[in-house]
Amino acid sequence: MYYAVLDHKPKNHFKMIVLGPEEKVIGLHLFGINSDEILQGFAVAVRAGLTKAEFDRTVAIHPTTSEELVLMRNPTPPTVKVD
């Protein structure tokens, strides 16, 4: 809602780092306005060991920037393979 009346819409960038076939979320990188507040909220989920599937099942609060983390459906292919 903050940007609904603005002509300039700043971009935010999100990256979710997952591990293994179960896609356990082990980190989040966020850049943009209010990233600090968004990370604080999701820190509990990461510490609890949630998986990407559990993030997907979360109901997003709309309209918010943080809803993109639980609506992230088309991941970028991994660039680093961890064995």
PDB file of N, CA and C in Angstrom:
ATOM      1  N   MET A   1       0.816  -1.192   0.000  1.00  0.00           N
ATOM      2  CA  MET A   1       0.000   0.000   0.000  1.00  0.00           C
ATOM      3  C   MET A   1       0.862   1.259   0.000  1.00  0.00           C
ATOM      4  N   TYR A   2       2.024   1.183   0.584  1.00  0.00           N
ATOM      5  CA  TYR A   2       2.903   2.347   0.678  1.00  0.00           C
ATOM      6  C   TYR A   2       3.198   2.932  -0.694  1.00  0.00           C
ATOM      7  N   TYR A   3       3.367   2.066  -1.690  1.00  0.00           N
ATOM      8  CA  TYR A   3       3.745   2.522  -3.026  1.00  0.00           C
ATOM      9  C   TYR A   3       2.565   2.715  -3.964  1.00  0.00           C
ATOM     10  N   ALA A   4       1.371   2.443  -3.533  1.00  0.00           N
ATOM     11  CA  ALA A   4       0.200   2.500  -4.412  1.00  0.00           C
ATOM     12  C   ALA A   4       0.001   3.875  -5.029  1.00  0.00           C
ATOM     13  N   VAL A   5       0.337   4.917  -4.320  1.00  0.00           N
ATOM     14  CA  VAL A   5       0.105   6.268  -4.827  1.00  0.00           C
ATOM     15  C   VAL A   5       1.368   6.932  -5.372  1.00  0.00           C
ATOM     16  N   LEU A   6       2.463   6.224  -5.406  1.00  0.00           N
ATOM     17  CA  LEU A   6       3.720   6.794  -5.891  1.00  0.00           C
ATOM     18  C   LEU A   6       3.947   6.465  -7.359  1.00  0.00           C
ATOM     19  N   ASP A   7       4.569   7.383  -8.068  1.00  0.00           N
ATOM     20  CA  ASP A   7       4.961   7.105  -9.449  1.00  0.00           C
ATOM     21  C   ASP A   7       6.221   6.246  -9.484  1.00  0.00           C
ATOM     22  N   HIS A   8       7.139   6.498  -8.556  1.00  0.00           N
ATOM     23  CA  HIS A   8       8.395   5.745  -8.493  1.00  0.00           C
ATOM     24  C   HIS A   8       8.207   4.547  -7.560  1.00  0.00           C
ATOM     25  N   LYS A   9       8.444   3.371  -8.064  1.00  0.00           N
ATOM     26  CA  LYS A   9       8.272   2.159  -7.265  1.00  0.00           C
ATOM     27  C   LYS A   9       9.641   1.485  -7.099  1.00  0.00           C
ATOM     28  N   PRO A  10      10.299   1.670  -5.946  1.00  0.00           N
ATOM     29  CA  PRO A  10      11.606   1.046  -5.725  1.00  0.00           C
ATOM     30  C   PRO A  10      11.501  -0.473  -5.788  1.00  0.00           C
ATOM     31  N   LYS A  11      12.550  -1.096  -6.280  1.00  0.00           N
ATOM     32  CA  LYS A  11      12.554  -2.553  -6.398  1.00  0.00           C
ATOM     33  C   LYS A  11      13.199  -3.175  -5.170  1.00  0.00           C
ATOM     34  N   ASN A  12      12.685  -4.319  -4.795  1.00  0.00           N
ATOM     35  CA  ASN A  12      13.278  -5.145  -3.750  1.00  0.00           C
ATOM     36  C   ASN A  12      13.775  -6.419  -4.407  1.00  0.00           C
ATOM     37  N   HIS A  13      14.819  -6.986  -3.851  1.00  0.00           N
ATOM     38  CA  HIS A  13      15.374  -8.224  -4.387  1.00  0.00           C
ATOM     39  C   HIS A  13      15.434  -9.251  -3.263  1.00  0.00           C
ATOM     40  N   PHE A  14      14.938 -10.458  -3.554  1.00  0.00           N
ATOM     41  CA  PHE A  14      14.905 -11.532  -2.564  1.00  0.00           C
ATOM     42  C   PHE A  14      15.617 -12.759  -3.107  1.00  0.00           C
ATOM     43  N   LYS A  15      16.297 -13.457  -2.219  1.00  0.00           N
ATOM     44  CA  LYS A  15      16.867 -14.760  -2.568  1.00  0.00           C
ATOM     45  C   LYS A  15      16.667 -15.677  -1.372  1.00  0.00           C
ATOM     46  N   MET A  16      16.119 -16.863  -1.635  1.00  0.00           N
ATOM     47  CA  MET A  16      15.934 -17.873  -0.601  1.00  0.00           C
ATOM     48  C   MET A  16      16.943 -18.985  -0.879  1.00  0.00           C
ATOM     49  N   ILE A  17      17.722 -19.351   0.123  1.00  0.00           N
ATOM     50  CA  ILE A  17      18.720 -20.408  -0.029  1.00  0.00           C
ATOM     51  C   ILE A  17      18.187 -21.653   0.645  1.00  0.00           C
ATOM     52  N   VAL A  18      18.114 -22.744  -0.131  1.00  0.00           N
ATOM     53  CA  VAL A  18      17.596 -24.008   0.394  1.00  0.00           C
ATOM     54  C   VAL A  18      18.660 -25.086   0.269  1.00  0.00           C
ATOM     55  N   LEU A  19      18.530 -26.118   1.086  1.00  0.00           N
ATOM     56  CA  LEU A  19      19.515 -27.190   1.128  1.00  0.00           C
ATOM     57  C   LEU A  19      18.848 -28.540   0.948  1.00  0.00           C
ATOM     58  N   GLY A  20      19.416 -29.351   0.061  1.00  0.00           N
ATOM     59  CA  GLY A  20      18.986 -30.735  -0.104  1.00  0.00           C
ATOM     60  C   GLY A  20      17.664 -30.912  -0.811  1.00  0.00           C
ATOM     61  N   PRO A  21      17.315 -32.180  -1.049  1.00  0.00           N
ATOM     62  CA  PRO A  21      16.071 -32.483  -1.758  1.00  0.00           C
ATOM     63  C   PRO A  21      14.824 -32.061  -0.979  1.00  0.00           C
ATOM     64  N   GLU A  22      14.928 -31.971   0.341  1.00  0.00           N
ATOM     65  CA  GLU A  22      13.778 -31.527   1.141  1.00  0.00           C
ATOM     66  C   GLU A  22      13.641 -30.005   1.107  1.00  0.00           C
ATOM     67  N   GLU A  23      14.628 -29.317   0.546  1.00  0.00           N
ATOM     68  CA  GLU A  23      14.638 -27.853   0.403  1.00  0.00           C
ATOM     69  C   GLU A  23      14.439 -27.125   1.731  1.00  0.00           C
ATOM     70  N   LYS A  24      15.247 -27.518   2.712  1.00  0.00           N
ATOM     71  CA  LYS A  24      15.235 -26.820   4.000  1.00  0.00           C
ATOM     72  C   LYS A  24      15.775 -25.408   3.783  1.00  0.00           C
ATOM     73  N   VAL A  25      15.046 -24.410   4.256  1.00  0.00           N
ATOM     74  CA  VAL A  25      15.468 -23.018   4.098  1.00  0.00           C
ATOM     75  C   VAL A  25      16.581 -22.740   5.103  1.00  0.00           C
ATOM     76  N   ILE A  26      17.768 -22.399   4.581  1.00  0.00           N
ATOM     77  CA  ILE A  26      18.908 -22.140   5.463  1.00  0.00           C
ATOM     78  C   ILE A  26      19.342 -20.677   5.435  1.00  0.00           C
ATOM     79  N   GLY A  27      18.708 -19.886   4.581  1.00  0.00           N
ATOM     80  CA  GLY A  27      19.060 -18.472   4.547  1.00  0.00           C
ATOM     81  C   GLY A  27      18.164 -17.667   3.632  1.00  0.00           C
ATOM     82  N   LEU A  28      18.138 -16.388   3.881  1.00  0.00           N
ATOM     83  CA  LEU A  28      17.388 -15.438   3.053  1.00  0.00           C
ATOM     84  C   LEU A  28      18.257 -14.208   2.842  1.00  0.00           C
ATOM     85  N   HIS A  29      18.304 -13.733   1.614  1.00  0.00           N
ATOM     86  CA  HIS A  29      18.975 -12.474   1.304  1.00  0.00           C
ATOM     87  C   HIS A  29      17.908 -11.515   0.808  1.00  0.00           C
ATOM     88  N   LEU A  30      17.793 -10.371   1.428  1.00  0.00           N
ATOM     89  CA  LEU A  30      16.818  -9.362   1.026  1.00  0.00           C
ATOM     90  C   LEU A  30      17.516  -8.020   0.900  1.00  0.00           C
ATOM     91  N   PHE A  31      17.189  -7.304  -0.157  1.00  0.00           N
ATOM     92  CA  PHE A  31      17.716  -5.961  -0.373  1.00  0.00           C
ATOM     93  C   PHE A  31      16.558  -5.054  -0.740  1.00  0.00           C
ATOM     94  N   GLY A  32      16.404  -3.965  -0.043  1.00  0.00           N
ATOM     95  CA  GLY A  32      15.346  -3.016  -0.354  1.00  0.00           C
ATOM     96  C   GLY A  32      14.753  -2.429   0.909  1.00  0.00           C
ATOM     97  N   ILE A  33      13.761  -1.590   0.701  1.00  0.00           N
ATOM     98  CA  ILE A  33      13.101  -0.912   1.812  1.00  0.00           C
ATOM     99  C   ILE A  33      12.395  -1.929   2.709  1.00  0.00           C
ATOM    100  N   ASN A  34      12.566  -1.763   4.000  1.00  0.00           N
ATOM    101  CA  ASN A  34      11.954  -2.609   5.037  1.00  0.00           C
ATOM    102  C   ASN A  34      12.505  -4.032   5.081  1.00  0.00           C
ATOM    103  N   SER A  35      13.634  -4.284   4.425  1.00  0.00           N
ATOM    104  CA  SER A  35      14.223  -5.627   4.471  1.00  0.00           C
ATOM    105  C   SER A  35      14.530  -6.063   5.894  1.00  0.00           C
ATOM    106  N   ASP A  36      14.957  -5.125   6.723  1.00  0.00           N
ATOM    107  CA  ASP A  36      15.283  -5.474   8.111  1.00  0.00           C
ATOM    108  C   ASP A  36      14.059  -5.991   8.856  1.00  0.00           C
ATOM    109  N   GLU A  37      12.915  -5.368   8.653  1.00  0.00           N
ATOM    110  CA  GLU A  37      11.690  -5.807   9.320  1.00  0.00           C
ATOM    111  C   GLU A  37      11.216  -7.156   8.783  1.00  0.00           C
ATOM    112  N   ILE A  38      11.351  -7.353   7.489  1.00  0.00           N
ATOM    113  CA  ILE A  38      10.931  -8.611   6.870  1.00  0.00           C
ATOM    114  C   ILE A  38      11.813  -9.753   7.368  1.00  0.00           C
ATOM    115  N   LEU A  39      13.128  -9.541   7.387  1.00  0.00           N
ATOM    116  CA  LEU A  39      14.051 -10.582   7.846  1.00  0.00           C
ATOM    117  C   LEU A  39      13.794 -10.968   9.293  1.00  0.00           C
ATOM    118  N   GLN A  40      13.499  -9.992  10.124  1.00  0.00           N
ATOM    119  CA  GLN A  40      13.228 -10.289  11.535  1.00  0.00           C
ATOM    120  C   GLN A  40      12.054 -11.248  11.665  1.00  0.00           C
ATOM    121  N   GLY A  41      11.030 -11.044  10.872  1.00  0.00           N
ATOM    122  CA  GLY A  41       9.859 -11.921  10.923  1.00  0.00           C
ATOM    123  C   GLY A  41      10.147 -13.327  10.436  1.00  0.00           C
ATOM    124  N   PHE A  42      10.950 -13.439   9.388  1.00  0.00           N
ATOM    125  CA  PHE A  42      11.236 -14.756   8.829  1.00  0.00           C
ATOM    126  C   PHE A  42      12.378 -15.474   9.548  1.00  0.00           C
ATOM    127  N   ALA A  43      13.109 -14.778  10.408  1.00  0.00           N
ATOM    128  CA  ALA A  43      14.205 -15.410  11.148  1.00  0.00           C
ATOM    129  C   ALA A  43      13.707 -16.573  11.996  1.00  0.00           C
ATOM    130  N   VAL A  44      12.540 -16.447  12.565  1.00  0.00           N
ATOM    131  CA  VAL A  44      11.967 -17.519  13.387  1.00  0.00           C
ATOM    132  C   VAL A  44      11.728 -18.760  12.531  1.00  0.00           C
ATOM    133  N   ALA A  45      11.201 -18.580  11.333  1.00  0.00           N
ATOM    134  CA  ALA A  45      10.929 -19.709  10.441  1.00  0.00           C
ATOM    135  C   ALA A  45      12.220 -20.413  10.036  1.00  0.00           C
ATOM    136  N   VAL A  46      13.261 -19.642   9.763  1.00  0.00           N
ATOM    137  CA  VAL A  46      14.543 -20.239   9.376  1.00  0.00           C
ATOM    138  C   VAL A  46      15.142 -20.985  10.560  1.00  0.00           C
ATOM    139  N   ARG A  47      15.111 -20.394  11.737  1.00  0.00           N
ATOM    140  CA  ARG A  47      15.637 -21.065  12.941  1.00  0.00           C
ATOM    141  C   ARG A  47      14.867 -22.338  13.261  1.00  0.00           C
ATOM    142  N   ALA A  48      13.580 -22.361  12.942  1.00  0.00           N
ATOM    143  CA  ALA A  48      12.747 -23.538  13.204  1.00  0.00           C
ATOM    144  C   ALA A  48      12.987 -24.648  12.186  1.00  0.00           C
ATOM    145  N   GLY A  49      13.758 -24.356  11.136  1.00  0.00           N
ATOM    146  CA  GLY A  49      14.090 -25.385  10.157  1.00  0.00           C
ATOM    147  C   GLY A  49      13.006 -25.649   9.129  1.00  0.00           C
ATOM    148  N   LEU A  50      12.182 -24.655   8.838  1.00  0.00           N
ATOM    149  CA  LEU A  50      11.111 -24.849   7.863  1.00  0.00           C
ATOM    150  C   LEU A  50      11.660 -25.121   6.464  1.00  0.00           C
ATOM    151  N   THR A  51      10.855 -25.799   5.672  1.00  0.00           N
ATOM    152  CA  THR A  51      11.224 -26.110   4.290  1.00  0.00           C
ATOM    153  C   THR A  51      10.525 -25.138   3.340  1.00  0.00           C
ATOM    154  N   LYS A  52      10.971 -25.148   2.090  1.00  0.00           N
ATOM    155  CA  LYS A  52      10.330 -24.308   1.072  1.00  0.00           C
ATOM    156  C   LYS A  52       8.853 -24.664   0.945  1.00  0.00           C
ATOM    157  N   ALA A  53       8.514 -25.945   1.028  1.00  0.00           N
ATOM    158  CA  ALA A  53       7.112 -26.380   0.937  1.00  0.00           C
ATOM    159  C   ALA A  53       6.281 -25.772   2.064  1.00  0.00           C
ATOM    160  N   GLU A  54       6.866 -25.667   3.253  1.00  0.00           N
ATOM    161  CA  GLU A  54       6.137 -25.060   4.373  1.00  0.00           C
ATOM    162  C   GLU A  54       5.950 -23.555   4.160  1.00  0.00           C
ATOM    163  N   PHE A  55       6.939 -22.909   3.568  1.00  0.00           N
ATOM    164  CA  PHE A  55       6.769 -21.500   3.201  1.00  0.00           C
ATOM    165  C   PHE A  55       5.640 -21.370   2.184  1.00  0.00           C
ATOM    166  N   ASP A  56       5.594 -22.288   1.207  1.00  0.00           N
ATOM    167  CA  ASP A  56       4.564 -22.252   0.159  1.00  0.00           C
ATOM    168  C   ASP A  56       3.159 -22.399   0.738  1.00  0.00           C
ATOM    169  N   ARG A  57       3.021 -23.148   1.807  1.00  0.00           N
ATOM    170  CA  ARG A  57       1.705 -23.363   2.417  1.00  0.00           C
ATOM    171  C   ARG A  57       1.262 -22.207   3.321  1.00  0.00           C
ATOM    172  N   THR A  58       2.131 -21.235   3.509  1.00  0.00           N
ATOM    173  CA  THR A  58       1.820 -20.090   4.355  1.00  0.00           C
ATOM    174  C   THR A  58       0.924 -19.112   3.603  1.00  0.00           C
ATOM    175  N   VAL A  59      -0.077 -18.589   4.275  1.00  0.00           N
ATOM    176  CA  VAL A  59      -0.958 -17.581   3.672  1.00  0.00           C
ATOM    177  C   VAL A  59      -0.249 -16.232   3.737  1.00  0.00           C
ATOM    178  N   ALA A  60      -0.101 -15.606   2.586  1.00  0.00           N
ATOM    179  CA  ALA A  60       0.600 -14.324   2.509  1.00  0.00           C
ATOM    180  C   ALA A  60      -0.293 -13.177   2.961  1.00  0.00           C
ATOM    181  N   ILE A  61       0.301 -12.229   3.646  1.00  0.00           N
ATOM    182  CA  ILE A  61      -0.408 -11.005   4.004  1.00  0.00           C
ATOM    183  C   ILE A  61      -0.322 -10.080   2.797  1.00  0.00           C
ATOM    184  N   HIS A  62      -1.467  -9.638   2.293  1.00  0.00           N
ATOM    185  CA  HIS A  62      -1.494  -8.836   1.071  1.00  0.00           C
ATOM    186  C   HIS A  62      -2.151  -7.501   1.350  1.00  0.00           C
ATOM    187  N   PRO A  63      -1.673  -6.434   0.847  1.00  0.00           N
ATOM    188  CA  PRO A  63      -0.483  -6.265   0.020  1.00  0.00           C
ATOM    189  C   PRO A  63       0.729  -5.928   0.882  1.00  0.00           C
ATOM    190  N   THR A  64       1.750  -6.733   0.809  1.00  0.00           N
ATOM    191  CA  THR A  64       3.008  -6.468   1.500  1.00  0.00           C
ATOM    192  C   THR A  64       4.161  -6.906   0.619  1.00  0.00           C
ATOM    193  N   THR A  65       5.323  -6.372   0.895  1.00  0.00           N
ATOM    194  CA  THR A  65       6.523  -6.797   0.184  1.00  0.00           C
ATOM    195  C   THR A  65       6.893  -8.214   0.593  1.00  0.00           C
ATOM    196  N   SER A  66       6.715  -8.549   1.858  1.00  0.00           N
ATOM    197  CA  SER A  66       7.133  -9.858   2.364  1.00  0.00           C
ATOM    198  C   SER A  66       6.326 -11.013   1.786  1.00  0.00           C
ATOM    199  N   GLU A  67       5.170 -10.753   1.200  1.00  0.00           N
ATOM    200  CA  GLU A  67       4.383 -11.837   0.618  1.00  0.00           C
ATOM    201  C   GLU A  67       5.140 -12.528  -0.513  1.00  0.00           C
ATOM    202  N   GLU A  68       6.096 -11.831  -1.117  1.00  0.00           N
ATOM    203  CA  GLU A  68       6.859 -12.433  -2.212  1.00  0.00           C
ATOM    204  C   GLU A  68       7.657 -13.641  -1.739  1.00  0.00           C
ATOM    205  N   LEU A  69       8.059 -13.671  -0.484  1.00  0.00           N
ATOM    206  CA  LEU A  69       8.822 -14.819   0.022  1.00  0.00           C
ATOM    207  C   LEU A  69       7.991 -16.089   0.086  1.00  0.00           C
ATOM    208  N   VAL A  70       6.710 -15.974   0.342  1.00  0.00           N
ATOM    209  CA  VAL A  70       5.877 -17.174   0.407  1.00  0.00           C
ATOM    210  C   VAL A  70       5.161 -17.440  -0.911  1.00  0.00           C
ATOM    211  N   LEU A  71       5.276 -16.520  -1.851  1.00  0.00           N
ATOM    212  CA  LEU A  71       4.682 -16.723  -3.175  1.00  0.00           C
ATOM    213  C   LEU A  71       5.732 -17.032  -4.234  1.00  0.00           C
ATOM    214  N   MET A  72       6.993 -17.162  -3.822  1.00  0.00           N
ATOM    215  CA  MET A  72       8.097 -17.423  -4.735  1.00  0.00           C
ATOM    216  C   MET A  72       7.902 -18.805  -5.362  1.00  0.00           C
ATOM    217  N   ARG A  73       7.452 -18.836  -6.607  1.00  0.00           N
ATOM    218  CA  ARG A  73       7.105 -20.103  -7.246  1.00  0.00           C
ATOM    219  C   ARG A  73       8.094 -20.571  -8.311  1.00  0.00           C
ATOM    220  N   ASN A  74       8.822 -19.656  -8.917  1.00  0.00           N
ATOM    221  CA  ASN A  74       9.730 -20.014 -10.004  1.00  0.00           C
ATOM    222  C   ASN A  74      11.168 -19.758  -9.584  1.00  0.00           C
ATOM    223  N   PRO A  75      11.768 -20.720  -8.906  1.00  0.00           N
ATOM    224  CA  PRO A  75      13.122 -20.491  -8.411  1.00  0.00           C
ATOM    225  C   PRO A  75      14.147 -20.446  -9.536  1.00  0.00           C
ATOM    226  N   THR A  76      15.204 -19.730  -9.277  1.00  0.00           N
ATOM    227  CA  THR A  76      16.342 -19.716 -10.182  1.00  0.00           C
ATOM    228  C   THR A  76      17.099 -21.019  -9.978  1.00  0.00           C
ATOM    229  N   PRO A  77      17.551 -21.649 -11.059  1.00  0.00           N
ATOM    230  CA  PRO A  77      18.316 -22.892 -10.896  1.00  0.00           C
ATOM    231  C   PRO A  77      19.542 -22.658 -10.016  1.00  0.00           C
ATOM    232  N   PRO A  78      19.914 -23.662  -9.227  1.00  0.00           N
ATOM    233  CA  PRO A  78      21.068 -23.495  -8.341  1.00  0.00           C
ATOM    234  C   PRO A  78      22.345 -23.251  -9.128  1.00  0.00           C
ATOM    235  N   THR A  79      23.189 -22.397  -8.584  1.00  0.00           N
ATOM    236  CA  THR A  79      24.475 -22.133  -9.224  1.00  0.00           C
ATOM    237  C   THR A  79      25.603 -22.872  -8.522  1.00  0.00           C
ATOM    238  N   VAL A  80      25.339 -23.343  -7.317  1.00  0.00           N
ATOM    239  CA  VAL A  80      26.339 -24.093  -6.563  1.00  0.00           C
ATOM    240  C   VAL A  80      25.697 -25.380  -6.091  1.00  0.00           C
ATOM    241  N   LYS A  81      26.331 -26.500  -6.380  1.00  0.00           N
ATOM    242  CA  LYS A  81      25.811 -27.787  -5.930  1.00  0.00           C
ATOM    243  C   LYS A  81      26.608 -28.223  -4.711  1.00  0.00           C
ATOM    244  N   VAL A  82      25.898 -28.509  -3.636  1.00  0.00           N
ATOM    245  CA  VAL A  82      26.534 -28.951  -2.397  1.00  0.00           C
ATOM    246  C   VAL A  82      26.271 -30.434  -2.237  1.00  0.00           C
ATOM    247  N   ASP A  83      27.322 -31.226  -2.118  1.00  0.00           N
ATOM    248  CA  ASP A  83      27.170 -32.678  -1.942  1.00  0.00           C
ATOM    249  C   ASP A  83      27.296 -33.065  -0.496  1.00  0.00           C
TER     250      ASP A  83
END
